[in-house]
Amino acid sequence: MPTYQTIDAKTAKDLMTRSDTIILDVRNPDEFATGHIPGAVNVPLDFLVQSMQYDPMKDLDATYLIYCRSGRRSAIAAEVLVQHDYSSVYDFGGILSWPYDVVVPSK
């Protein structure tokens, strides 16, 4: 059975330059709106868990980088993906420990 890898922010940032990388922010939409990593797609954890049963994301071979606020939800999301046969899954924890730029929408 595949497993996911826990990586640090620098490794995640390096992987973000690859063309097959999908960055998943599994926080709630309100959290995502306060700021997110550039290029991230907001797929809240609850939605991810439910949707995997009915309409999984199509690309099993893409590189998935997953984060949340502190790292708890991203670990759960990573486990869900590997249980559904995704082969390249990385959990880089929470945005609270992200030392690089984030997108903050203007109000």
PDB file of N, CA and C in Angstrom:
ATOM      1  N   MET A   1       0.848  -1.185   0.000  1.00  0.00           N
ATOM      2  CA  MET A   1       0.000   0.000   0.000  1.00  0.00           C
ATOM      3  C   MET A   1       0.890   1.244   0.000  1.00  0.00           C
ATOM      4  N   PRO A   2       0.553   2.224  -0.819  1.00  0.00           N
ATOM      5  CA  PRO A   2       1.359   3.450  -0.854  1.00  0.00           C
ATOM      6  C   PRO A   2       1.260   4.226   0.456  1.00  0.00           C
ATOM      7  N   THR A   3       2.255   5.020   0.718  1.00  0.00           N
ATOM      8  CA  THR A   3       2.243   5.894   1.882  1.00  0.00           C
ATOM      9  C   THR A   3       2.571   7.306   1.422  1.00  0.00           C
ATOM     10  N   TYR A   4       2.290   8.260   2.284  1.00  0.00           N
ATOM     11  CA  TYR A   4       2.655   9.638   1.971  1.00  0.00           C
ATOM     12  C   TYR A   4       3.922   9.999   2.727  1.00  0.00           C
ATOM     13  N   GLN A   5       4.544  11.075   2.283  1.00  0.00           N
ATOM     14  CA  GLN A   5       5.756  11.547   2.941  1.00  0.00           C
ATOM     15  C   GLN A   5       5.490  12.889   3.613  1.00  0.00           C
ATOM     16  N   THR A   6       6.064  13.072   4.776  1.00  0.00           N
ATOM     17  CA  THR A   6       6.025  14.363   5.451  1.00  0.00           C
ATOM     18  C   THR A   6       7.309  15.094   5.075  1.00  0.00           C
ATOM     19  N   ILE A   7       7.150  16.316   4.570  1.00  0.00           N
ATOM     20  CA  ILE A   7       8.309  17.084   4.105  1.00  0.00           C
ATOM     21  C   ILE A   7       8.302  18.468   4.736  1.00  0.00           C
ATOM     22  N   ASP A   8       9.436  19.150   4.651  1.00  0.00           N
ATOM     23  CA  ASP A   8       9.524  20.506   5.187  1.00  0.00           C
ATOM     24  C   ASP A   8       9.128  21.524   4.115  1.00  0.00           C
ATOM     25  N   ALA A   9       9.033  22.769   4.533  1.00  0.00           N
ATOM     26  CA  ALA A   9       8.583  23.840   3.636  1.00  0.00           C
ATOM     27  C   ALA A   9       9.512  24.024   2.442  1.00  0.00           C
ATOM     28  N   LYS A  10      10.810  23.942   2.653  1.00  0.00           N
ATOM     29  CA  LYS A  10      11.744  24.139   1.540  1.00  0.00           C
ATOM     30  C   LYS A  10      11.573  23.058   0.477  1.00  0.00           C
ATOM     31  N   THR A  11      11.440  21.821   0.907  1.00  0.00           N
ATOM     32  CA  THR A  11      11.232  20.725  -0.043  1.00  0.00           C
ATOM     33  C   THR A  11       9.919  20.914  -0.792  1.00  0.00           C
ATOM     34  N   ALA A  12       8.879  21.322  -0.067  1.00  0.00           N
ATOM     35  CA  ALA A  12       7.587  21.580  -0.713  1.00  0.00           C
ATOM     36  C   ALA A  12       7.721  22.681  -1.752  1.00  0.00           C
ATOM     37  N   LYS A  13       8.396  23.758  -1.395  1.00  0.00           N
ATOM     38  CA  LYS A  13       8.572  24.872  -2.337  1.00  0.00           C
ATOM     39  C   LYS A  13       9.320  24.409  -3.581  1.00  0.00           C
ATOM     40  N   ASP A  14      10.333  23.581  -3.409  1.00  0.00           N
ATOM     41  CA  ASP A  14      11.069  23.043  -4.557  1.00  0.00           C
ATOM     42  C   ASP A  14      10.164  22.188  -5.447  1.00  0.00           C
ATOM     43  N   LEU A  15       9.314  21.370  -4.836  1.00  0.00           N
ATOM     44  CA  LEU A  15       8.408  20.515  -5.611  1.00  0.00           C
ATOM     45  C   LEU A  15       7.350  21.325  -6.359  1.00  0.00           C
ATOM     46  N   MET A  16       7.038  22.507  -5.866  1.00  0.00           N
ATOM     47  CA  MET A  16       6.019  23.347  -6.503  1.00  0.00           C
ATOM     48  C   MET A  16       6.421  23.808  -7.899  1.00  0.00           C
ATOM     49  N   THR A  17       7.687  23.714  -8.221  1.00  0.00           N
ATOM     50  CA  THR A  17       8.139  24.141  -9.547  1.00  0.00           C
ATOM     51  C   THR A  17       7.874  23.083 -10.615  1.00  0.00           C
ATOM     52  N   ARG A  18       7.525  21.881 -10.211  1.00  0.00           N
ATOM     53  CA  ARG A  18       7.254  20.810 -11.175  1.00  0.00           C
ATOM     54  C   ARG A  18       5.891  21.018 -11.824  1.00  0.00           C
ATOM     55  N   SER A  19       5.784  20.682 -13.087  1.00  0.00           N
ATOM     56  CA  SER A  19       4.538  20.919 -13.826  1.00  0.00           C
ATOM     57  C   SER A  19       3.406  19.989 -13.406  1.00  0.00           C
ATOM     58  N   ASP A  20       3.721  18.859 -12.783  1.00  0.00           N
ATOM     59  CA  ASP A  20       2.665  17.915 -12.404  1.00  0.00           C
ATOM     60  C   ASP A  20       2.212  18.083 -10.957  1.00  0.00           C
ATOM     61  N   THR A  21       2.582  19.185 -10.322  1.00  0.00           N
ATOM     62  CA  THR A  21       2.278  19.387  -8.907  1.00  0.00           C
ATOM     63  C   THR A  21       0.941  20.084  -8.711  1.00  0.00           C
ATOM     64  N   ILE A  22       0.146  19.542  -7.789  1.00  0.00           N
ATOM     65  CA  ILE A  22      -1.122  20.141  -7.379  1.00  0.00           C
ATOM     66  C   ILE A  22      -1.002  20.447  -5.896  1.00  0.00           C
ATOM     67  N   ILE A  23      -1.224  21.712  -5.534  1.00  0.00           N
ATOM     68  CA  ILE A  23      -1.127  22.143  -4.136  1.00  0.00           C
ATOM     69  C   ILE A  23      -2.539  22.188  -3.569  1.00  0.00           C
ATOM     70  N   LEU A  24      -2.802  21.375  -2.556  1.00  0.00           N
ATOM     71  CA  LEU A  24      -4.121  21.323  -1.936  1.00  0.00           C
ATOM     72  C   LEU A  24      -4.088  21.986  -0.567  1.00  0.00           C
ATOM     73  N   ASP A  25      -4.938  22.979  -0.398  1.00  0.00           N
ATOM     74  CA  ASP A  25      -5.152  23.627   0.893  1.00  0.00           C
ATOM     75  C   ASP A  25      -6.447  23.031   1.436  1.00  0.00           C
ATOM     76  N   VAL A  26      -6.360  22.247   2.503  1.00  0.00           N
ATOM     77  CA  VAL A  26      -7.541  21.543   3.002  1.00  0.00           C
ATOM     78  C   VAL A  26      -8.225  22.277   4.156  1.00  0.00           C
ATOM     79  N   ARG A  27      -7.942  23.566   4.279  1.00  0.00           N
ATOM     80  CA  ARG A  27      -8.638  24.380   5.281  1.00  0.00           C
ATOM     81  C   ARG A  27     -10.030  24.745   4.763  1.00  0.00           C
ATOM     82  N   ASN A  28     -10.826  25.336   5.630  1.00  0.00           N
ATOM     83  CA  ASN A  28     -12.149  25.817   5.241  1.00  0.00           C
ATOM     84  C   ASN A  28     -12.011  27.056   4.357  1.00  0.00           C
ATOM     85  N   PRO A  29     -13.024  27.349   3.532  1.00  0.00           N
ATOM     86  CA  PRO A  29     -12.944  28.517   2.643  1.00  0.00           C
ATOM     87  C   PRO A  29     -12.652  29.833   3.367  1.00  0.00           C
ATOM     88  N   ASP A  30     -13.203  30.020   4.563  1.00  0.00           N
ATOM     89  CA  ASP A  30     -12.939  31.254   5.312  1.00  0.00           C
ATOM     90  C   ASP A  30     -11.460  31.369   5.676  1.00  0.00           C
ATOM     91  N   GLU A  31     -10.847  30.259   6.035  1.00  0.00           N
ATOM     92  CA  GLU A  31      -9.417  30.263   6.351  1.00  0.00           C
ATOM     93  C   GLU A  31      -8.599  30.540   5.095  1.00  0.00           C
ATOM     94  N   PHE A  32      -8.974  29.896   4.003  1.00  0.00           N
ATOM     95  CA  PHE A  32      -8.279  30.079   2.724  1.00  0.00           C
ATOM     96  C   PHE A  32      -8.314  31.547   2.311  1.00  0.00           C
ATOM     97  N   ALA A  33      -9.449  32.207   2.544  1.00  0.00           N
ATOM     98  CA  ALA A  33      -9.619  33.608   2.145  1.00  0.00           C
ATOM     99  C   ALA A  33      -8.728  34.558   2.932  1.00  0.00           C
ATOM    100  N   THR A  34      -8.235  34.138   4.087  1.00  0.00           N
ATOM    101  CA  THR A  34      -7.362  35.015   4.876  1.00  0.00           C
ATOM    102  C   THR A  34      -5.932  35.011   4.363  1.00  0.00           C
ATOM    103  N   GLY A  35      -5.612  34.067   3.496  1.00  0.00           N
ATOM    104  CA  GLY A  35      -4.279  33.963   2.913  1.00  0.00           C
ATOM    105  C   GLY A  35      -3.966  32.524   2.583  1.00  0.00           C
ATOM    106  N   HIS A  36      -3.302  32.313   1.441  1.00  0.00           N
ATOM    107  CA  HIS A  36      -2.965  30.959   1.026  1.00  0.00           C
ATOM    108  C   HIS A  36      -1.683  30.965   0.202  1.00  0.00           C
ATOM    109  N   ILE A  37      -1.140  29.809   0.015  1.00  0.00           N
ATOM    110  CA  ILE A  37       0.084  29.654  -0.762  1.00  0.00           C
ATOM    111  C   ILE A  37      -0.246  29.848  -2.238  1.00  0.00           C
ATOM    112  N   PRO A  38       0.575  30.599  -2.973  1.00  0.00           N
ATOM    113  CA  PRO A  38       0.298  30.836  -4.394  1.00  0.00           C
ATOM    114  C   PRO A  38       0.113  29.522  -5.163  1.00  0.00           C
ATOM    115  N   GLY A  39      -0.946  29.477  -5.959  1.00  0.00           N
ATOM    116  CA  GLY A  39      -1.227  28.302  -6.776  1.00  0.00           C
ATOM    117  C   GLY A  39      -2.034  27.223  -6.082  1.00  0.00           C
ATOM    118  N   ALA A  40      -2.341  27.417  -4.801  1.00  0.00           N
ATOM    119  CA  ALA A  40      -3.083  26.400  -4.058  1.00  0.00           C
ATOM    120  C   ALA A  40      -4.546  26.359  -4.482  1.00  0.00           C
ATOM    121  N   VAL A  41      -5.103  25.157  -4.422  1.00  0.00           N
ATOM    122  CA  VAL A  41      -6.518  24.927  -4.677  1.00  0.00           C
ATOM    123  C   VAL A  41      -7.155  24.593  -3.339  1.00  0.00           C
ATOM    124  N   ASN A  42      -8.263  25.269  -3.031  1.00  0.00           N
ATOM    125  CA  ASN A  42      -8.939  25.032  -1.760  1.00  0.00           C
ATOM    126  C   ASN A  42      -9.915  23.862  -1.899  1.00  0.00           C
ATOM    127  N   VAL A  43      -9.599  22.771  -1.210  1.00  0.00           N
ATOM    128  CA  VAL A  43     -10.470  21.597  -1.144  1.00  0.00           C
ATOM    129  C   VAL A  43     -10.576  21.239   0.335  1.00  0.00           C
ATOM    130  N   PRO A  44     -11.591  21.777   1.034  1.00  0.00           N
ATOM    131  CA  PRO A  44     -11.706  21.517   2.467  1.00  0.00           C
ATOM    132  C   PRO A  44     -11.701  20.019   2.779  1.00  0.00           C
ATOM    133  N   LEU A  45     -11.117  19.674   3.905  1.00  0.00           N
ATOM    134  CA  LEU A  45     -10.956  18.274   4.278  1.00  0.00           C
ATOM    135  C   LEU A  45     -12.273  17.509   4.225  1.00  0.00           C
ATOM    136  N   ASP A  46     -13.340  18.056   4.801  1.00  0.00           N
ATOM    137  CA  ASP A  46     -14.628  17.354   4.801  1.00  0.00           C
ATOM    138  C   ASP A  46     -15.091  17.057   3.381  1.00  0.00           C
ATOM    139  N   PHE A  47     -14.948  18.037   2.491  1.00  0.00           N
ATOM    140  CA  PHE A  47     -15.340  17.852   1.091  1.00  0.00           C
ATOM    141  C   PHE A  47     -14.458  16.797   0.428  1.00  0.00           C
ATOM    142  N   LEU A  48     -13.175  16.849   0.698  1.00  0.00           N
ATOM    143  CA  LEU A  48     -12.242  15.884   0.110  1.00  0.00           C
ATOM    144  C   LEU A  48     -12.625  14.460   0.498  1.00  0.00           C
ATOM    145  N   VAL A  49     -12.886  14.247   1.775  1.00  0.00           N
ATOM    146  CA  VAL A  49     -13.238  12.913   2.264  1.00  0.00           C
ATOM    147  C   VAL A  49     -14.513  12.417   1.590  1.00  0.00           C
ATOM    148  N   GLN A  50     -15.534  13.269   1.521  1.00  0.00           N
ATOM    149  CA  GLN A  50     -16.801  12.867   0.906  1.00  0.00           C
ATOM    150  C   GLN A  50     -16.666  12.661  -0.593  1.00  0.00           C
ATOM    151  N   SER A  51     -15.972  13.549  -1.270  1.00  0.00           N
ATOM    152  CA  SER A  51     -15.902  13.480  -2.730  1.00  0.00           C
ATOM    153  C   SER A  51     -15.074  12.297  -3.217  1.00  0.00           C
ATOM    154  N   MET A  52     -14.130  11.832  -2.435  1.00  0.00           N
ATOM    155  CA  MET A  52     -13.304  10.707  -2.860  1.00  0.00           C
ATOM    156  C   MET A  52     -14.143   9.443  -3.038  1.00  0.00           C
ATOM    157  N   GLN A  53     -15.258   9.363  -2.339  1.00  0.00           N
ATOM    158  CA  GLN A  53     -16.128   8.198  -2.458  1.00  0.00           C
ATOM    159  C   GLN A  53     -16.896   8.206  -3.777  1.00  0.00           C
ATOM    160  N   TYR A  54     -17.150   9.399  -4.321  1.00  0.00           N
ATOM    161  CA  TYR A  54     -18.024   9.509  -5.484  1.00  0.00           C
ATOM    162  C   TYR A  54     -17.324  10.023  -6.734  1.00  0.00           C
ATOM    163  N   ASP A  55     -16.445  10.975  -6.573  1.00  0.00           N
ATOM    164  CA  ASP A  55     -15.829  11.628  -7.728  1.00  0.00           C
ATOM    165  C   ASP A  55     -14.388  12.003  -7.398  1.00  0.00           C
ATOM    166  N   PRO A  56     -13.515  11.011  -7.346  1.00  0.00           N
ATOM    167  CA  PRO A  56     -12.128  11.320  -6.985  1.00  0.00           C
ATOM    168  C   PRO A  56     -11.438  12.192  -8.023  1.00  0.00           C
ATOM    169  N   MET A  57     -10.411  12.890  -7.582  1.00  0.00           N
ATOM    170  CA  MET A  57      -9.597  13.658  -8.518  1.00  0.00           C
ATOM    171  C   MET A  57      -8.996  12.667  -9.500  1.00  0.00           C
ATOM    172  N   LYS A  58      -8.930  13.055 -10.744  1.00  0.00           N
ATOM    173  CA  LYS A  58      -8.621  12.103 -11.808  1.00  0.00           C
ATOM    174  C   LYS A  58      -7.159  11.677 -11.908  1.00  0.00           C
ATOM    175  N   ASP A  59      -6.239  12.535 -11.611  1.00  0.00           N
ATOM    176  CA  ASP A  59      -4.836  12.237 -11.888  1.00  0.00           C
ATOM    177  C   ASP A  59      -4.154  11.554 -10.701  1.00  0.00           C
ATOM    178  N   LEU A  60      -4.155  10.234 -10.718  1.00  0.00           N
ATOM    179  CA  LEU A  60      -3.548   9.471  -9.627  1.00  0.00           C
ATOM    180  C   LEU A  60      -2.039   9.634  -9.566  1.00  0.00           C
ATOM    181  N   ASP A  61      -1.424  10.013 -10.686  1.00  0.00           N
ATOM    182  CA  ASP A  61       0.035  10.094 -10.753  1.00  0.00           C
ATOM    183  C   ASP A  61       0.601  11.500 -10.559  1.00  0.00           C
ATOM    184  N   ALA A  62      -0.254  12.492 -10.410  1.00  0.00           N
ATOM    185  CA  ALA A  62       0.237  13.848 -10.152  1.00  0.00           C
ATOM    186  C   ALA A  62       0.917  13.881  -8.783  1.00  0.00           C
ATOM    187  N   THR A  63       1.694  14.921  -8.552  1.00  0.00           N
ATOM    188  CA  THR A  63       2.312  15.140  -7.250  1.00  0.00           C
ATOM    189  C   THR A  63       1.385  16.040  -6.445  1.00  0.00           C
ATOM    190  N   TYR A  64       0.913  15.551  -5.311  1.00  0.00           N
ATOM    191  CA  TYR A  64       0.001  16.307  -4.461  1.00  0.00           C
ATOM    192  C   TYR A  64       0.747  16.804  -3.232  1.00  0.00           C
ATOM    193  N   LEU A  65       0.759  18.120  -3.052  1.00  0.00           N
ATOM    194  CA  LEU A  65       1.329  18.756  -1.865  1.00  0.00           C
ATOM    195  C   LEU A  65       0.158  19.251  -1.038  1.00  0.00           C
ATOM    196  N   ILE A  66       0.082  18.845   0.207  1.00  0.00           N
ATOM    197  CA  ILE A  66      -1.088  19.134   1.029  1.00  0.00           C
ATOM    198  C   ILE A  66      -0.680  19.909   2.271  1.00  0.00           C
ATOM    199  N   TYR A  67      -1.475  20.945   2.573  1.00  0.00           N
ATOM    200  CA  TYR A  67      -1.257  21.693   3.814  1.00  0.00           C
ATOM    201  C   TYR A  67      -2.594  22.148   4.383  1.00  0.00           C
ATOM    202  N   CYS A  68      -2.567  22.566   5.635  1.00  0.00           N
ATOM    203  CA  CYS A  68      -3.743  23.114   6.309  1.00  0.00           C
ATOM    204  C   CYS A  68      -3.264  24.293   7.167  1.00  0.00           C
ATOM    205  N   ARG A  69      -3.791  24.438   8.356  1.00  0.00           N
ATOM    206  CA  ARG A  69      -3.356  25.528   9.231  1.00  0.00           C
ATOM    207  C   ARG A  69      -2.154  25.098  10.067  1.00  0.00           C
ATOM    208  N   SER A  70      -2.290  23.939  10.733  1.00  0.00           N
ATOM    209  CA  SER A  70      -1.231  23.516  11.655  1.00  0.00           C
ATOM    210  C   SER A  70      -0.611  22.162  11.323  1.00  0.00           C
ATOM    211  N   GLY A  71      -1.244  21.378  10.469  1.00  0.00           N
ATOM    212  CA  GLY A  71      -0.701  20.083  10.090  1.00  0.00           C
ATOM    213  C   GLY A  71      -1.582  18.889  10.394  1.00  0.00           C
ATOM    214  N   ARG A  72      -2.596  19.058  11.220  1.00  0.00           N
ATOM    215  CA  ARG A  72      -3.469  17.933  11.578  1.00  0.00           C
ATOM    216  C   ARG A  72      -4.339  17.499  10.399  1.00  0.00           C
ATOM    217  N   ARG A  73      -5.051  18.446   9.798  1.00  0.00           N
ATOM    218  CA  ARG A  73      -5.942  18.103   8.682  1.00  0.00           C
ATOM    219  C   ARG A  73      -5.169  17.657   7.447  1.00  0.00           C
ATOM    220  N   SER A  74      -3.993  18.228   7.231  1.00  0.00           N
ATOM    221  CA  SER A  74      -3.212  17.817   6.053  1.00  0.00           C
ATOM    222  C   SER A  74      -2.779  16.358   6.169  1.00  0.00           C
ATOM    223  N   ALA A  75      -2.456  15.904   7.367  1.00  0.00           N
ATOM    224  CA  ALA A  75      -2.077  14.500   7.561  1.00  0.00           C
ATOM    225  C   ALA A  75      -3.260  13.578   7.276  1.00  0.00           C
ATOM    226  N   ILE A  76      -4.440  13.983   7.711  1.00  0.00           N
ATOM    227  CA  ILE A  76      -5.643  13.185   7.437  1.00  0.00           C
ATOM    228  C   ILE A  76      -5.905  13.140   5.936  1.00  0.00           C
ATOM    229  N   ALA A  77      -5.811  14.292   5.277  1.00  0.00           N
ATOM    230  CA  ALA A  77      -6.048  14.354   3.830  1.00  0.00           C
ATOM    231  C   ALA A  77      -5.039  13.501   3.071  1.00  0.00           C
ATOM    232  N   ALA A  78      -3.786  13.544   3.477  1.00  0.00           N
ATOM    233  CA  ALA A  78      -2.754  12.736   2.819  1.00  0.00           C
ATOM    234  C   ALA A  78      -3.075  11.253   2.955  1.00  0.00           C
ATOM    235  N   GLU A  79      -3.513  10.856   4.116  1.00  0.00           N
ATOM    236  CA  GLU A  79      -3.882   9.455   4.335  1.00  0.00           C
ATOM    237  C   GLU A  79      -5.060   9.056   3.444  1.00  0.00           C
ATOM    238  N   VAL A  80      -6.037   9.933   3.302  1.00  0.00           N
ATOM    239  CA  VAL A  80      -7.186   9.659   2.427  1.00  0.00           C
ATOM    240  C   VAL A  80      -6.718   9.446   0.990  1.00  0.00           C
ATOM    241  N   LEU A  81      -5.825  10.294   0.509  1.00  0.00           N
ATOM    242  CA  LEU A  81      -5.350  10.155  -0.869  1.00  0.00           C
ATOM    243  C   LEU A  81      -4.611   8.835  -1.084  1.00  0.00           C
ATOM    244  N   VAL A  82      -3.740   8.464  -0.165  1.00  0.00           N
ATOM    245  CA  VAL A  82      -3.007   7.209  -0.376  1.00  0.00           C
ATOM    246  C   VAL A  82      -3.937   5.999  -0.279  1.00  0.00           C
ATOM    247  N   GLN A  83      -4.980   6.099   0.512  1.00  0.00           N
ATOM    248  CA  GLN A  83      -5.958   5.009   0.582  1.00  0.00           C
ATOM    249  C   GLN A  83      -6.703   4.840  -0.740  1.00  0.00           C
ATOM    250  N   HIS A  84      -6.723   5.895  -1.553  1.00  0.00           N
ATOM    251  CA  HIS A  84      -7.376   5.850  -2.864  1.00  0.00           C
ATOM    252  C   HIS A  84      -6.350   5.719  -3.997  1.00  0.00           C
ATOM    253  N   ASP A  85      -5.182   5.209  -3.669  1.00  0.00           N
ATOM    254  CA  ASP A  85      -4.146   4.840  -4.645  1.00  0.00           C
ATOM    255  C   ASP A  85      -3.434   5.998  -5.331  1.00  0.00           C
ATOM    256  N   TYR A  86      -3.418   7.165  -4.716  1.00  0.00           N
ATOM    257  CA  TYR A  86      -2.592   8.252  -5.244  1.00  0.00           C
ATOM    258  C   TYR A  86      -1.146   7.925  -4.887  1.00  0.00           C
ATOM    259  N   SER A  87      -0.253   8.088  -5.848  1.00  0.00           N
ATOM    260  CA  SER A  87       1.096   7.555  -5.666  1.00  0.00           C
ATOM    261  C   SER A  87       2.152   8.559  -5.206  1.00  0.00           C
ATOM    262  N   SER A  88       1.883   9.849  -5.344  1.00  0.00           N
ATOM    263  CA  SER A  88       2.891  10.852  -5.007  1.00  0.00           C
ATOM    264  C   SER A  88       2.259  11.928  -4.123  1.00  0.00           C
ATOM    265  N   VAL A  89       2.196  11.648  -2.832  1.00  0.00           N
ATOM    266  CA  VAL A  89       1.482  12.501  -1.878  1.00  0.00           C
ATOM    267  C   VAL A  89       2.460  12.979  -0.807  1.00  0.00           C
ATOM    268  N   TYR A  90       2.470  14.296  -0.598  1.00  0.00           N
ATOM    269  CA  TYR A  90       3.366  14.912   0.382  1.00  0.00           C
ATOM    270  C   TYR A  90       2.573  15.823   1.308  1.00  0.00           C
ATOM    271  N   ASP A  91       2.801  15.685   2.587  1.00  0.00           N
ATOM    272  CA  ASP A  91       2.196  16.546   3.603  1.00  0.00           C
ATOM    273  C   ASP A  91       3.285  17.489   4.100  1.00  0.00           C
ATOM    274  N   PHE A  92       3.058  18.800   3.911  1.00  0.00           N
ATOM    275  CA  PHE A  92       4.065  19.726   4.433  1.00  0.00           C
ATOM    276  C   PHE A  92       3.525  20.569   5.573  1.00  0.00           C
ATOM    277  N   GLY A  93       2.526  20.031   6.277  1.00  0.00           N
ATOM    278  CA  GLY A  93       2.084  20.631   7.522  1.00  0.00           C
ATOM    279  C   GLY A  93       1.145  21.799   7.373  1.00  0.00           C
ATOM    280  N   GLY A  94       1.430  22.856   8.137  1.00  0.00           N
ATOM    281  CA  GLY A  94       0.517  23.977   8.196  1.00  0.00           C
ATOM    282  C   GLY A  94       1.093  25.278   7.685  1.00  0.00           C
ATOM    283  N   ILE A  95       0.187  26.145   7.287  1.00  0.00           N
ATOM    284  CA  ILE A  95       0.587  27.453   6.775  1.00  0.00           C
ATOM    285  C   ILE A  95       1.222  28.295   7.886  1.00  0.00           C
ATOM    286  N   LEU A  96       0.933  27.953   9.137  1.00  0.00           N
ATOM    287  CA  LEU A  96       1.527  28.698  10.249  1.00  0.00           C
ATOM    288  C   LEU A  96       3.052  28.613  10.248  1.00  0.00           C
ATOM    289  N   SER A  97       3.589  27.528   9.698  1.00  0.00           N
ATOM    290  CA  SER A  97       5.046  27.382   9.660  1.00  0.00           C
ATOM    291  C   SER A  97       5.621  27.613   8.259  1.00  0.00           C
ATOM    292  N   TRP A  98       4.826  28.172   7.345  1.00  0.00           N
ATOM    293  CA  TRP A  98       5.276  28.446   5.976  1.00  0.00           C
ATOM    294  C   TRP A  98       6.067  29.753   5.967  1.00  0.00           C
ATOM    295  N   PRO A  99       7.372  29.716   5.678  1.00  0.00           N
ATOM    296  CA  PRO A  99       8.189  30.931   5.765  1.00  0.00           C
ATOM    297  C   PRO A  99       8.206  31.782   4.493  1.00  0.00           C
ATOM    298  N   TYR A 100       7.485  31.348   3.466  1.00  0.00           N
ATOM    299  CA  TYR A 100       7.534  32.041   2.176  1.00  0.00           C
ATOM    300  C   TYR A 100       6.278  32.885   1.968  1.00  0.00           C
ATOM    301  N   ASP A 101       6.219  33.549   0.828  1.00  0.00           N
ATOM    302  CA  ASP A 101       5.095  34.433   0.529  1.00  0.00           C
ATOM    303  C   ASP A 101       3.773  33.679   0.466  1.00  0.00           C
ATOM    304  N   VAL A 102       2.721  34.392   0.834  1.00  0.00           N
ATOM    305  CA  VAL A 102       1.360  33.887   0.680  1.00  0.00           C
ATOM    306  C   VAL A 102       0.538  34.932  -0.065  1.00  0.00           C
ATOM    307  N   VAL A 103      -0.543  34.471  -0.666  1.00  0.00           N
ATOM    308  CA  VAL A 103      -1.479  35.365  -1.337  1.00  0.00           C
ATOM    309  C   VAL A 103      -2.480  35.832  -0.295  1.00  0.00           C
ATOM    310  N   VAL A 104      -2.575  37.137  -0.104  1.00  0.00           N
ATOM    311  CA  VAL A 104      -3.552  37.705   0.815  1.00  0.00           C
ATOM    312  C   VAL A 104      -4.486  38.576  -0.013  1.00  0.00           C
ATOM    313  N   PRO A 105      -5.742  38.140  -0.186  1.00  0.00           N
ATOM    314  CA  PRO A 105      -6.674  38.923  -0.996  1.00  0.00           C
ATOM    315  C   PRO A 105      -6.886  40.313  -0.410  1.00  0.00           C
ATOM    316  N   SER A 106      -7.001  41.289  -1.285  1.00  0.00           N
ATOM    317  CA  SER A 106      -7.269  42.651  -0.812  1.00  0.00           C
ATOM    318  C   SER A 106      -8.742  42.777  -0.482  1.00  0.00           C
ATOM    319  N   LYS A 107      -9.021  43.638   0.472  1.00  0.00           N
ATOM    320  CA  LYS A 107     -10.414  43.798   0.921  1.00  0.00           C
ATOM    321  C   LYS A 107     -11.044  44.998   0.292  1.00  0.00           C
TER     322      LYS A 107
END
